[in-house]
Amino acid sequence: MSQASTNILFPQTTYNGASTITGEAKTAASYYLGNRNIQTVSWSLNSFNGILLIQATLVENPSGTDWITVYNVTDGKSLPLTENSFTNVEGNFVWIRAQVNQYVSGIIRNVKVSF
C-alpha cells in the first residue's frame, strides 16, 4: 500500500510548440522514509509522440546536473504511443520528476509517482 501519490507532470499536458517540458520535482520515497527504495511511476498517454523520461536524484538541493534518467517510458516503443502503464523505480532517491524531450504531438494525461 502506498504512503503517498502525486503528479510529477501536470495532467492534460498537450503539445504547445515546446519540444522540452520538465515537470516539477517531487519528493521521492527516501525523502520522508529514509530506508525506502521503491517508487512506482504510472503514466497515461494518448497518441504521444516524443520521449518521456523519469529522472531522479540523491541530492537534497539538486541543480541541473544532479538529475539522472532512471527510466525511459518510450524506449523501444512504437510512436505515437497510447498507453496506461507503470513501472517500479528502485533507488534511495530524494527527488523525482518527469521530463519530455522532442515533444511533437499527443496528450499526456498524467504521470504520477507513488511510494
PDB file of N, CA and C in Angstrom:
ATOM      1  N   MET A   1       0.838  -1.174   0.000  1.00  0.00           N
ATOM      2  CA  MET A   1       0.000   0.000   0.000  1.00  0.00           C
ATOM      3  C   MET A   1       0.883   1.238   0.000  1.00  0.00           C
ATOM      4  N   SER A   2       0.565   2.230  -0.837  1.00  0.00           N
ATOM      5  CA  SER A   2       1.415   3.413  -0.951  1.00  0.00           C
ATOM      6  C   SER A   2       1.196   4.372   0.210  1.00  0.00           C
ATOM      7  N   GLN A   3       2.253   5.085   0.524  1.00  0.00           N
ATOM      8  CA  GLN A   3       2.217   6.109   1.559  1.00  0.00           C
ATOM      9  C   GLN A   3       1.823   7.462   0.983  1.00  0.00           C
ATOM     10  N   ALA A   4       2.204   7.692  -0.292  1.00  0.00           N
ATOM     11  CA  ALA A   4       1.914   8.965  -0.940  1.00  0.00           C
ATOM     12  C   ALA A   4       1.791   8.748  -2.437  1.00  0.00           C
ATOM     13  N   SER A   5       0.988   9.577  -3.085  1.00  0.00           N
ATOM     14  CA  SER A   5       0.854   9.539  -4.533  1.00  0.00           C
ATOM     15  C   SER A   5       0.683  10.966  -5.012  1.00  0.00           C
ATOM     16  N   THR A   6       1.454  11.361  -6.030  1.00  0.00           N
ATOM     17  CA  THR A   6       1.385  12.730  -6.508  1.00  0.00           C
ATOM     18  C   THR A   6       1.720  12.802  -7.985  1.00  0.00           C
ATOM     19  N   ASN A   7       1.177  13.810  -8.670  1.00  0.00           N
ATOM     20  CA  ASN A   7       1.503  14.044 -10.074  1.00  0.00           C
ATOM     21  C   ASN A   7       2.906  14.618 -10.178  1.00  0.00           C
ATOM     22  N   ILE A   8       3.705  14.076 -11.113  1.00  0.00           N
ATOM     23  CA  ILE A   8       5.015  14.673 -11.360  1.00  0.00           C
ATOM     24  C   ILE A   8       5.051  15.380 -12.712  1.00  0.00           C
ATOM     25  N   LEU A   9       3.955  15.321 -13.440  1.00  0.00           N
ATOM     26  CA  LEU A   9       3.759  16.126 -14.643  1.00  0.00           C
ATOM     27  C   LEU A   9       2.281  16.446 -14.680  1.00  0.00           C
ATOM     28  N   PHE A  10       1.957  17.715 -14.854  1.00  0.00           N
ATOM     29  CA  PHE A  10       0.560  18.129 -14.776  1.00  0.00           C
ATOM     30  C   PHE A  10      -0.316  17.358 -15.748  1.00  0.00           C
ATOM     31  N   PRO A  11      -1.528  17.006 -15.323  1.00  0.00           N
ATOM     32  CA  PRO A  11      -2.441  16.282 -16.205  1.00  0.00           C
ATOM     33  C   PRO A  11      -2.847  17.125 -17.408  1.00  0.00           C
ATOM     34  N   GLN A  12      -3.222  16.434 -18.467  1.00  0.00           N
ATOM     35  CA  GLN A  12      -3.687  17.047 -19.707  1.00  0.00           C
ATOM     36  C   GLN A  12      -2.659  17.988 -20.332  1.00  0.00           C
ATOM     37  N   THR A  13      -1.388  17.631 -20.216  1.00  0.00           N
ATOM     38  CA  THR A  13      -0.361  18.385 -20.915  1.00  0.00           C
ATOM     39  C   THR A  13      -0.495  18.074 -22.401  1.00  0.00           C
ATOM     40  N   THR A  14      -0.715  19.094 -23.212  1.00  0.00           N
ATOM     41  CA  THR A  14      -0.827  18.906 -24.648  1.00  0.00           C
ATOM     42  C   THR A  14       0.308  19.646 -25.337  1.00  0.00           C
ATOM     43  N   TYR A  15       0.605  19.238 -26.523  1.00  0.00           N
ATOM     44  CA  TYR A  15       1.681  19.858 -27.279  1.00  0.00           C
ATOM     45  C   TYR A  15       1.377  21.325 -27.518  1.00  0.00           C
ATOM     46  N   ASN A  16       2.295  22.184 -27.108  1.00  0.00           N
ATOM     47  CA  ASN A  16       2.095  23.623 -27.268  1.00  0.00           C
ATOM     48  C   ASN A  16       3.237  24.278 -28.036  1.00  0.00           C
ATOM     49  N   GLY A  17       4.017  23.489 -28.744  1.00  0.00           N
ATOM     50  CA  GLY A  17       5.133  24.029 -29.503  1.00  0.00           C
ATOM     51  C   GLY A  17       6.470  23.874 -28.794  1.00  0.00           C
ATOM     52  N   ALA A  18       6.447  23.605 -27.492  1.00  0.00           N
ATOM     53  CA  ALA A  18       7.690  23.415 -26.741  1.00  0.00           C
ATOM     54  C   ALA A  18       8.172  21.981 -26.942  1.00  0.00           C
ATOM     55  N   SER A  19       9.438  21.818 -27.282  1.00  0.00           N
ATOM     56  CA  SER A  19       9.942  20.462 -27.513  1.00  0.00           C
ATOM     57  C   SER A  19      10.409  19.810 -26.218  1.00  0.00           C
ATOM     58  N   THR A  20      10.644  20.610 -25.165  1.00  0.00           N
ATOM     59  CA  THR A  20      11.068  20.063 -23.875  1.00  0.00           C
ATOM     60  C   THR A  20      10.193  20.621 -22.765  1.00  0.00           C
ATOM     61  N   ILE A  21       9.684  19.730 -21.928  1.00  0.00           N
ATOM     62  CA  ILE A  21       8.898  20.126 -20.752  1.00  0.00           C
ATOM     63  C   ILE A  21       9.473  19.361 -19.567  1.00  0.00           C
ATOM     64  N   THR A  22       9.793  20.070 -18.497  1.00  0.00           N
ATOM     65  CA  THR A  22      10.298  19.424 -17.289  1.00  0.00           C
ATOM     66  C   THR A  22       9.284  19.620 -16.177  1.00  0.00           C
ATOM     67  N   GLY A  23       8.815  18.507 -15.627  1.00  0.00           N
ATOM     68  CA  GLY A  23       7.854  18.568 -14.534  1.00  0.00           C
ATOM     69  C   GLY A  23       8.511  19.053 -13.248  1.00  0.00           C
ATOM     70  N   GLU A  24       7.691  19.491 -12.341  1.00  0.00           N
ATOM     71  CA  GLU A  24       8.180  19.955 -11.043  1.00  0.00           C
ATOM     72  C   GLU A  24       8.732  18.782 -10.240  1.00  0.00           C
ATOM     73  N   ALA A  25       9.866  18.990  -9.607  1.00  0.00           N
ATOM     74  CA  ALA A  25      10.462  17.944  -8.764  1.00  0.00           C
ATOM     75  C   ALA A  25       9.557  17.673  -7.574  1.00  0.00           C
ATOM     76  N   LYS A  26       9.324  16.400  -7.319  1.00  0.00           N
ATOM     77  CA  LYS A  26       8.510  15.976  -6.179  1.00  0.00           C
ATOM     78  C   LYS A  26       9.337  15.064  -5.297  1.00  0.00           C
ATOM     79  N   THR A  27       8.988  15.031  -4.034  1.00  0.00           N
ATOM     80  CA  THR A  27       9.732  14.179  -3.107  1.00  0.00           C
ATOM     81  C   THR A  27       9.549  12.715  -3.476  1.00  0.00           C
ATOM     82  N   ALA A  28      10.639  11.964  -3.351  1.00  0.00           N
ATOM     83  CA  ALA A  28      10.623  10.531  -3.627  1.00  0.00           C
ATOM     84  C   ALA A  28      10.597   9.779  -2.296  1.00  0.00           C
ATOM     85  N   ALA A  29      10.636   8.466  -2.351  1.00  0.00           N
ATOM     86  CA  ALA A  29      10.455   7.627  -1.166  1.00  0.00           C
ATOM     87  C   ALA A  29      11.456   7.917  -0.056  1.00  0.00           C
ATOM     88  N   SER A  30      12.707   8.164  -0.398  1.00  0.00           N
ATOM     89  CA  SER A  30      13.725   8.356   0.636  1.00  0.00           C
ATOM     90  C   SER A  30      13.679   9.730   1.296  1.00  0.00           C
ATOM     91  N   TYR A  31      12.888  10.648   0.744  1.00  0.00           N
ATOM     92  CA  TYR A  31      12.804  11.977   1.352  1.00  0.00           C
ATOM     93  C   TYR A  31      12.218  11.893   2.754  1.00  0.00           C
ATOM     94  N   TYR A  32      11.128  11.154   2.883  1.00  0.00           N
ATOM     95  CA  TYR A  32      10.468  11.010   4.180  1.00  0.00           C
ATOM     96  C   TYR A  32      10.785   9.681   4.860  1.00  0.00           C
ATOM     97  N   LEU A  33      10.973   8.664   4.052  1.00  0.00           N
ATOM     98  CA  LEU A  33      11.140   7.309   4.559  1.00  0.00           C
ATOM     99  C   LEU A  33      12.552   6.841   4.204  1.00  0.00           C
ATOM    100  N   GLY A  34      13.549   7.364   4.868  1.00  0.00           N
ATOM    101  CA  GLY A  34      14.956   7.220   4.527  1.00  0.00           C
ATOM    102  C   GLY A  34      15.415   5.873   4.031  1.00  0.00           C
ATOM    103  N   ASN A  35      14.824   4.804   4.462  1.00  0.00           N
ATOM    104  CA  ASN A  35      15.287   3.487   4.043  1.00  0.00           C
ATOM    105  C   ASN A  35      14.449   2.894   2.909  1.00  0.00           C
ATOM    106  N   ARG A  36      13.532   3.642   2.355  1.00  0.00           N
ATOM    107  CA  ARG A  36      12.693   3.144   1.259  1.00  0.00           C
ATOM    108  C   ARG A  36      13.412   3.323  -0.069  1.00  0.00           C
ATOM    109  N   ASN A  37      13.283   2.325  -0.946  1.00  0.00           N
ATOM    110  CA  ASN A  37      13.972   2.446  -2.217  1.00  0.00           C
ATOM    111  C   ASN A  37      13.116   2.060  -3.430  1.00  0.00           C
ATOM    112  N   ILE A  38      11.808   1.979  -3.263  1.00  0.00           N
ATOM    113  CA  ILE A  38      10.953   1.666  -4.405  1.00  0.00           C
ATOM    114  C   ILE A  38       9.886   2.750  -4.570  1.00  0.00           C
ATOM    115  N   GLN A  39       9.844   3.306  -5.792  1.00  0.00           N
ATOM    116  CA  GLN A  39       8.822   4.248  -6.192  1.00  0.00           C
ATOM    117  C   GLN A  39       8.094   3.626  -7.370  1.00  0.00           C
ATOM    118  N   THR A  40       6.786   3.747  -7.420  1.00  0.00           N
ATOM    119  CA  THR A  40       6.019   3.274  -8.568  1.00  0.00           C
ATOM    120  C   THR A  40       5.601   4.487  -9.381  1.00  0.00           C
ATOM    121  N   VAL A  41       5.987   4.487 -10.643  1.00  0.00           N
ATOM    122  CA  VAL A  41       5.640   5.580 -11.543  1.00  0.00           C
ATOM    123  C   VAL A  41       4.609   5.057 -12.534  1.00  0.00           C
ATOM    124  N   SER A  42       3.504   5.783 -12.668  1.00  0.00           N
ATOM    125  CA  SER A  42       2.466   5.405 -13.617  1.00  0.00           C
ATOM    126  C   SER A  42       2.224   6.558 -14.591  1.00  0.00           C
ATOM    127  N   TRP A  43       1.735   6.230 -15.785  1.00  0.00           N
ATOM    128  CA  TRP A  43       1.500   7.257 -16.793  1.00  0.00           C
ATOM    129  C   TRP A  43       0.310   6.876 -17.647  1.00  0.00           C
ATOM    130  N   SER A  44      -0.280   7.908 -18.230  1.00  0.00           N
ATOM    131  CA  SER A  44      -1.394   7.740 -19.158  1.00  0.00           C
ATOM    132  C   SER A  44      -1.139   8.674 -20.339  1.00  0.00           C
ATOM    133  N   LEU A  45      -0.955   8.081 -21.518  1.00  0.00           N
ATOM    134  CA  LEU A  45      -0.616   8.836 -22.723  1.00  0.00           C
ATOM    135  C   LEU A  45      -1.632   8.552 -23.811  1.00  0.00           C
ATOM    136  N   ASN A  46      -1.891   9.549 -24.661  1.00  0.00           N
ATOM    137  CA  ASN A  46      -2.806   9.385 -25.788  1.00  0.00           C
ATOM    138  C   ASN A  46      -2.150   9.961 -27.036  1.00  0.00           C
ATOM    139  N   SER A  47      -1.827   9.094 -27.989  1.00  0.00           N
ATOM    140  CA  SER A  47      -1.187   9.486 -29.252  1.00  0.00           C
ATOM    141  C   SER A  47       0.052  10.341 -29.017  1.00  0.00           C
ATOM    142  N   PHE A  48       0.813   9.994 -27.991  1.00  0.00           N
ATOM    143  CA  PHE A  48       2.002  10.753 -27.598  1.00  0.00           C
ATOM    144  C   PHE A  48       3.155  10.461 -28.554  1.00  0.00           C
ATOM    145  N   ASN A  49       3.766  11.530 -29.045  1.00  0.00           N
ATOM    146  CA  ASN A  49       4.919  11.414 -29.922  1.00  0.00           C
ATOM    147  C   ASN A  49       6.040  12.270 -29.339  1.00  0.00           C
ATOM    148  N   GLY A  50       6.967  11.630 -28.671  1.00  0.00           N
ATOM    149  CA  GLY A  50       8.087  12.314 -28.025  1.00  0.00           C
ATOM    150  C   GLY A  50       8.838  11.313 -27.175  1.00  0.00           C
ATOM    151  N   ILE A  51       9.682  11.818 -26.292  1.00  0.00           N
ATOM    152  CA  ILE A  51      10.440  10.978 -25.374  1.00  0.00           C
ATOM    153  C   ILE A  51      10.043  11.363 -23.956  1.00  0.00           C
ATOM    154  N   LEU A  52       9.543  10.409 -23.192  1.00  0.00           N
ATOM    155  CA  LEU A  52       9.138  10.649 -21.807  1.00  0.00           C
ATOM    156  C   LEU A  52      10.130   9.959 -20.881  1.00  0.00           C
ATOM    157  N   LEU A  53      10.836  10.756 -20.089  1.00  0.00           N
ATOM    158  CA  LEU A  53      11.856  10.249 -19.179  1.00  0.00           C
ATOM    159  C   LEU A  53      11.432  10.442 -17.731  1.00  0.00           C
ATOM    160  N   ILE A  54      11.786   9.489 -16.889  1.00  0.00           N
ATOM    161  CA  ILE A  54      11.640   9.636 -15.450  1.00  0.00           C
ATOM    162  C   ILE A  54      13.054   9.879 -14.918  1.00  0.00           C
ATOM    163  N   GLN A  55      13.223  10.977 -14.197  1.00  0.00           N
ATOM    164  CA  GLN A  55      14.530  11.350 -13.675  1.00  0.00           C
ATOM    165  C   GLN A  55      14.470  11.437 -12.162  1.00  0.00           C
ATOM    166  N   ALA A  56      15.603  11.164 -11.518  1.00  0.00           N
ATOM    167  CA  ALA A  56      15.665  11.199 -10.060  1.00  0.00           C
ATOM    168  C   ALA A  56      17.044  11.685  -9.624  1.00  0.00           C
ATOM    169  N   THR A  57      17.144  12.012  -8.334  1.00  0.00           N
ATOM    170  CA  THR A  57      18.415  12.460  -7.778  1.00  0.00           C
ATOM    171  C   THR A  57      18.532  12.025  -6.322  1.00  0.00           C
ATOM    172  N   LEU A  58      19.768  11.887  -5.889  1.00  0.00           N
ATOM    173  CA  LEU A  58      20.082  11.577  -4.490  1.00  0.00           C
ATOM    174  C   LEU A  58      20.407  12.850  -3.705  1.00  0.00           C
ATOM    175  N   VAL A  59      20.459  13.974  -4.387  1.00  0.00           N
ATOM    176  CA  VAL A  59      20.893  15.246  -3.809  1.00  0.00           C
ATOM    177  C   VAL A  59      19.702  15.981  -3.201  1.00  0.00           C
ATOM    178  N   GLU A  60      19.885  16.517  -1.989  1.00  0.00           N
ATOM    179  CA  GLU A  60      18.785  17.220  -1.308  1.00  0.00           C
ATOM    180  C   GLU A  60      18.399  18.525  -1.981  1.00  0.00           C
ATOM    181  N   ASN A  61      19.371  19.263  -2.499  1.00  0.00           N
ATOM    182  CA  ASN A  61      19.124  20.531  -3.200  1.00  0.00           C
ATOM    183  C   ASN A  61      19.722  20.435  -4.604  1.00  0.00           C
ATOM    184  N   PRO A  62      19.039  19.745  -5.525  1.00  0.00           N
ATOM    185  CA  PRO A  62      19.642  19.442  -6.819  1.00  0.00           C
ATOM    186  C   PRO A  62      19.742  20.639  -7.757  1.00  0.00           C
ATOM    187  N   SER A  63      20.788  20.605  -8.586  1.00  0.00           N
ATOM    188  CA  SER A  63      20.922  21.545  -9.689  1.00  0.00           C
ATOM    189  C   SER A  63      20.703  20.748 -10.973  1.00  0.00           C
ATOM    190  N   GLY A  64      20.843  21.369 -12.097  1.00  0.00           N
ATOM    191  CA  GLY A  64      20.573  20.720 -13.372  1.00  0.00           C
ATOM    192  C   GLY A  64      21.379  19.472 -13.645  1.00  0.00           C
ATOM    193  N   THR A  65      22.617  19.416 -13.170  1.00  0.00           N
ATOM    194  CA  THR A  65      23.475  18.270 -13.465  1.00  0.00           C
ATOM    195  C   THR A  65      23.319  17.123 -12.471  1.00  0.00           C
ATOM    196  N   ASP A  66      22.514  17.296 -11.441  1.00  0.00           N
ATOM    197  CA  ASP A  66      22.340  16.264 -10.414  1.00  0.00           C
ATOM    198  C   ASP A  66      21.292  15.209 -10.782  1.00  0.00           C
ATOM    199  N   TRP A  67      20.558  15.425 -11.855  1.00  0.00           N
ATOM    200  CA  TRP A  67      19.473  14.528 -12.245  1.00  0.00           C
ATOM    201  C   TRP A  67      19.982  13.433 -13.167  1.00  0.00           C
ATOM    202  N   ILE A  68      19.505  12.187 -12.938  1.00  0.00           N
ATOM    203  CA  ILE A  68      19.814  11.079 -13.827  1.00  0.00           C
ATOM    204  C   ILE A  68      18.512  10.470 -14.334  1.00  0.00           C
ATOM    205  N   THR A  69      18.556   9.944 -15.532  1.00  0.00           N
ATOM    206  CA  THR A  69      17.393   9.256 -16.079  1.00  0.00           C
ATOM    207  C   THR A  69      17.353   7.850 -15.510  1.00  0.00           C
ATOM    208  N   VAL A  70      16.265   7.520 -14.820  1.00  0.00           N
ATOM    209  CA  VAL A  70      16.122   6.201 -14.211  1.00  0.00           C
ATOM    210  C   VAL A  70      15.175   5.304 -15.009  1.00  0.00           C
ATOM    211  N   TYR A  71      14.391   5.896 -15.911  1.00  0.00           N
ATOM    212  CA  TYR A  71      13.506   5.092 -16.760  1.00  0.00           C
ATOM    213  C   TYR A  71      13.094   5.914 -17.976  1.00  0.00           C
ATOM    214  N   ASN A  72      13.129   5.279 -19.148  1.00  0.00           N
ATOM    215  CA  ASN A  72      12.667   5.894 -20.383  1.00  0.00           C
ATOM    216  C   ASN A  72      11.367   5.197 -20.779  1.00  0.00           C
ATOM    217  N   VAL A  73      10.258   5.885 -20.629  1.00  0.00           N
ATOM    218  CA  VAL A  73       8.931   5.313 -20.873  1.00  0.00           C
ATOM    219  C   VAL A  73       8.766   4.902 -22.337  1.00  0.00           C
ATOM    220  N   THR A  74       9.316   5.681 -23.266  1.00  0.00           N
ATOM    221  CA  THR A  74       9.075   5.468 -24.685  1.00  0.00           C
ATOM    222  C   THR A  74      10.149   4.620 -25.370  1.00  0.00           C
ATOM    223  N   ASP A  75      11.184   4.243 -24.673  1.00  0.00           N
ATOM    224  CA  ASP A  75      12.293   3.500 -25.269  1.00  0.00           C
ATOM    225  C   ASP A  75      11.820   2.184 -25.885  1.00  0.00           C
ATOM    226  N   GLY A  76      12.093   2.010 -27.175  1.00  0.00           N
ATOM    227  CA  GLY A  76      11.757   0.767 -27.860  1.00  0.00           C
ATOM    228  C   GLY A  76      10.295   0.610 -28.238  1.00  0.00           C
ATOM    229  N   LYS A  77       9.473   1.620 -27.976  1.00  0.00           N
ATOM    230  CA  LYS A  77       8.039   1.527 -28.281  1.00  0.00           C
ATOM    231  C   LYS A  77       7.725   2.293 -29.561  1.00  0.00           C
ATOM    232  N   SER A  78       6.726   1.836 -30.266  1.00  0.00           N
ATOM    233  CA  SER A  78       6.297   2.466 -31.500  1.00  0.00           C
ATOM    234  C   SER A  78       5.533   3.751 -31.185  1.00  0.00           C
ATOM    235  N   LEU A  79       5.883   4.850 -31.865  1.00  0.00           N
ATOM    236  CA  LEU A  79       5.222   6.136 -31.666  1.00  0.00           C
ATOM    237  C   LEU A  79       4.320   6.429 -32.851  1.00  0.00           C
ATOM    238  N   PRO A  80       3.214   7.150 -32.677  1.00  0.00           N
ATOM    239  CA  PRO A  80       2.713   7.696 -31.421  1.00  0.00           C
ATOM    240  C   PRO A  80       2.219   6.586 -30.489  1.00  0.00           C
ATOM    241  N   LEU A  81       2.311   6.878 -29.192  1.00  0.00           N
ATOM    242  CA  LEU A  81       2.044   5.887 -28.161  1.00  0.00           C
ATOM    243  C   LEU A  81       0.787   6.238 -27.377  1.00  0.00           C
ATOM    244  N   THR A  82      -0.147   5.288 -27.317  1.00  0.00           N
ATOM    245  CA  THR A  82      -1.308   5.398 -26.438  1.00  0.00           C
ATOM    246  C   THR A  82      -1.166   4.274 -25.423  1.00  0.00           C
ATOM    247  N   GLU A  83      -1.026   4.649 -24.140  1.00  0.00           N
ATOM    248  CA  GLU A  83      -0.710   3.638 -23.132  1.00  0.00           C
ATOM    249  C   GLU A  83      -1.062   4.133 -21.740  1.00  0.00           C
ATOM    250  N   ASN A  84      -1.551   3.208 -20.927  1.00  0.00           N
ATOM    251  CA  ASN A  84      -1.715   3.396 -19.486  1.00  0.00           C
ATOM    252  C   ASN A  84      -0.882   2.296 -18.851  1.00  0.00           C
ATOM    253  N   SER A  85       0.177   2.663 -18.160  1.00  0.00           N
ATOM    254  CA  SER A  85       1.065   1.639 -17.627  1.00  0.00           C
ATOM    255  C   SER A  85       1.808   2.170 -16.404  1.00  0.00           C
ATOM    256  N   PHE A  86       2.722   1.339 -15.888  1.00  0.00           N
ATOM    257  CA  PHE A  86       3.504   1.726 -14.713  1.00  0.00           C
ATOM    258  C   PHE A  86       4.810   0.944 -14.698  1.00  0.00           C
ATOM    259  N   THR A  87       5.733   1.393 -13.857  1.00  0.00           N
ATOM    260  CA  THR A  87       6.973   0.664 -13.592  1.00  0.00           C
ATOM    261  C   THR A  87       7.415   0.983 -12.168  1.00  0.00           C
ATOM    262  N   ASN A  88       8.169   0.071 -11.580  1.00  0.00           N
ATOM    263  CA  ASN A  88       8.796   0.339 -10.288  1.00  0.00           C
ATOM    264  C   ASN A  88      10.202   0.849 -10.537  1.00  0.00           C
ATOM    265  N   VAL A  89      10.552   1.927  -9.877  1.00  0.00           N
ATOM    266  CA  VAL A  89      11.887   2.511  -9.966  1.00  0.00           C
ATOM    267  C   VAL A  89      12.559   2.288  -8.627  1.00  0.00           C
ATOM    268  N   GLU A  90      13.674   1.577  -8.652  1.00  0.00           N
ATOM    269  CA  GLU A  90      14.392   1.278  -7.408  1.00  0.00           C
ATOM    270  C   GLU A  90      15.560   2.231  -7.217  1.00  0.00           C
ATOM    271  N   GLY A  91      15.724   2.708  -5.996  1.00  0.00           N
ATOM    272  CA  GLY A  91      16.820   3.606  -5.636  1.00  0.00           C
ATOM    273  C   GLY A  91      16.418   4.472  -4.463  1.00  0.00           C
ATOM    274  N   ASN A  92      17.354   4.837  -3.646  1.00  0.00           N
ATOM    275  CA  ASN A  92      17.086   5.692  -2.481  1.00  0.00           C
ATOM    276  C   ASN A  92      17.051   7.154  -2.905  1.00  0.00           C
ATOM    277  N   PHE A  93      16.142   7.476  -3.816  1.00  0.00           N
ATOM    278  CA  PHE A  93      16.069   8.814  -4.373  1.00  0.00           C
ATOM    279  C   PHE A  93      15.354   9.770  -3.431  1.00  0.00           C
ATOM    280  N   VAL A  94      15.822  11.020  -3.443  1.00  0.00           N
ATOM    281  CA  VAL A  94      15.237  12.064  -2.616  1.00  0.00           C
ATOM    282  C   VAL A  94      14.183  12.830  -3.423  1.00  0.00           C
ATOM    283  N   TRP A  95      14.457  13.068  -4.702  1.00  0.00           N
ATOM    284  CA  TRP A  95      13.547  13.795  -5.578  1.00  0.00           C
ATOM    285  C   TRP A  95      13.340  12.999  -6.856  1.00  0.00           C
ATOM    286  N   ILE A  96      12.173  13.185  -7.481  1.00  0.00           N
ATOM    287  CA  ILE A  96      11.849  12.521  -8.738  1.00  0.00           C
ATOM    288  C   ILE A  96      11.037  13.495  -9.588  1.00  0.00           C
ATOM    289  N   ARG A  97      11.184  13.380 -10.912  1.00  0.00           N
ATOM    290  CA  ARG A  97      10.444  14.260 -11.821  1.00  0.00           C
ATOM    291  C   ARG A  97      10.294  13.562 -13.172  1.00  0.00           C
ATOM    292  N   ALA A  98       9.453  14.130 -14.013  1.00  0.00           N
ATOM    293  CA  ALA A  98       9.293  13.653 -15.389  1.00  0.00           C
ATOM    294  C   ALA A  98       9.812  14.732 -16.324  1.00  0.00           C
ATOM    295  N   GLN A  99      10.407  14.299 -17.417  1.00  0.00           N
ATOM    296  CA  GLN A  99      10.857  15.242 -18.437  1.00  0.00           C
ATOM    297  C   GLN A  99      10.461  14.706 -19.806  1.00  0.00           C
ATOM    298  N   VAL A 100       9.954  15.602 -20.651  1.00  0.00           N
ATOM    299  CA  VAL A 100       9.571  15.257 -22.009  1.00  0.00           C
ATOM    300  C   VAL A 100      10.539  15.957 -22.948  1.00  0.00           C
ATOM    301  N   ASN A 101      11.122  15.178 -23.868  1.00  0.00           N
ATOM    302  CA  ASN A 101      12.015  15.724 -24.886  1.00  0.00           C
ATOM    303  C   ASN A 101      11.463  15.399 -26.262  1.00  0.00           C
ATOM    304  N   GLN A 102      11.802  16.207 -27.242  1.00  0.00           N
ATOM    305  CA  GLN A 102      11.391  16.013 -28.636  1.00  0.00           C
ATOM    306  C   GLN A 102       9.879  15.813 -28.741  1.00  0.00           C
ATOM    307  N   TYR A 103       9.140  16.612 -27.968  1.00  0.00           N
ATOM    308  CA  TYR A 103       7.672  16.534 -27.941  1.00  0.00           C
ATOM    309  C   TYR A 103       7.132  17.069 -29.262  1.00  0.00           C
ATOM    310  N   VAL A 104       6.390  16.232 -29.993  1.00  0.00           N
ATOM    311  CA  VAL A 104       5.873  16.603 -31.292  1.00  0.00           C
ATOM    312  C   VAL A 104       4.351  16.713 -31.280  1.00  0.00           C
ATOM    313  N   SER A 105       3.687  15.761 -30.595  1.00  0.00           N
ATOM    314  CA  SER A 105       2.225  15.773 -30.590  1.00  0.00           C
ATOM    315  C   SER A 105       1.699  14.835 -29.518  1.00  0.00           C
ATOM    316  N   GLY A 106       0.395  14.901 -29.307  1.00  0.00           N
ATOM    317  CA  GLY A 106      -0.271  13.996 -28.384  1.00  0.00           C
ATOM    318  C   GLY A 106      -0.594  14.619 -27.044  1.00  0.00           C
ATOM    319  N   ILE A 107      -1.178  13.795 -26.182  1.00  0.00           N
ATOM    320  CA  ILE A 107      -1.630  14.252 -24.865  1.00  0.00           C
ATOM    321  C   ILE A 107      -0.991  13.392 -23.784  1.00  0.00           C
ATOM    322  N   ILE A 108      -0.490  14.064 -22.759  1.00  0.00           N
ATOM    323  CA  ILE A 108      -0.015  13.386 -21.550  1.00  0.00           C
ATOM    324  C   ILE A 108      -1.100  13.600 -20.513  1.00  0.00           C
ATOM    325  N   ARG A 109      -1.890  12.568 -20.246  1.00  0.00           N
ATOM    326  CA  ARG A 109      -2.976  12.718 -19.266  1.00  0.00           C
ATOM    327  C   ARG A 109      -2.424  12.891 -17.862  1.00  0.00           C
ATOM    328  N   ASN A 110      -1.428  12.065 -17.512  1.00  0.00           N
ATOM    329  CA  ASN A 110      -0.786  12.227 -16.216  1.00  0.00           C
ATOM    330  C   ASN A 110       0.466  11.365 -16.147  1.00  0.00           C
ATOM    331  N   VAL A 111       1.350  11.757 -15.266  1.00  0.00           N
ATOM    332  CA  VAL A 111       2.493  10.970 -14.840  1.00  0.00           C
ATOM    333  C   VAL A 111       2.510  11.102 -13.327  1.00  0.00           C
ATOM    334  N   LYS A 112       2.400   9.977 -12.618  1.00  0.00           N
ATOM    335  CA  LYS A 112       2.291  10.004 -11.157  1.00  0.00           C
ATOM    336  C   LYS A 112       3.364   9.126 -10.521  1.00  0.00           C
ATOM    337  N   VAL A 113       3.721   9.472  -9.297  1.00  0.00           N
ATOM    338  CA  VAL A 113       4.626   8.640  -8.525  1.00  0.00           C
ATOM    339  C   VAL A 113       3.948   8.272  -7.213  1.00  0.00           C
ATOM    340  N   SER A 114       4.128   7.025  -6.802  1.00  0.00           N
ATOM    341  CA  SER A 114       3.597   6.536  -5.521  1.00  0.00           C
ATOM    342  C   SER A 114       4.694   5.811  -4.787  1.00  0.00           C
ATOM    343  N   PHE A 115       4.643   5.900  -3.469  1.00  0.00           N
ATOM    344  CA  PHE A 115       5.588   5.128  -2.638  1.00  0.00           C
ATOM    345  C   PHE A 115       4.979   4.857  -1.304  1.00  0.00           C
TER     346      PHE A 115
END
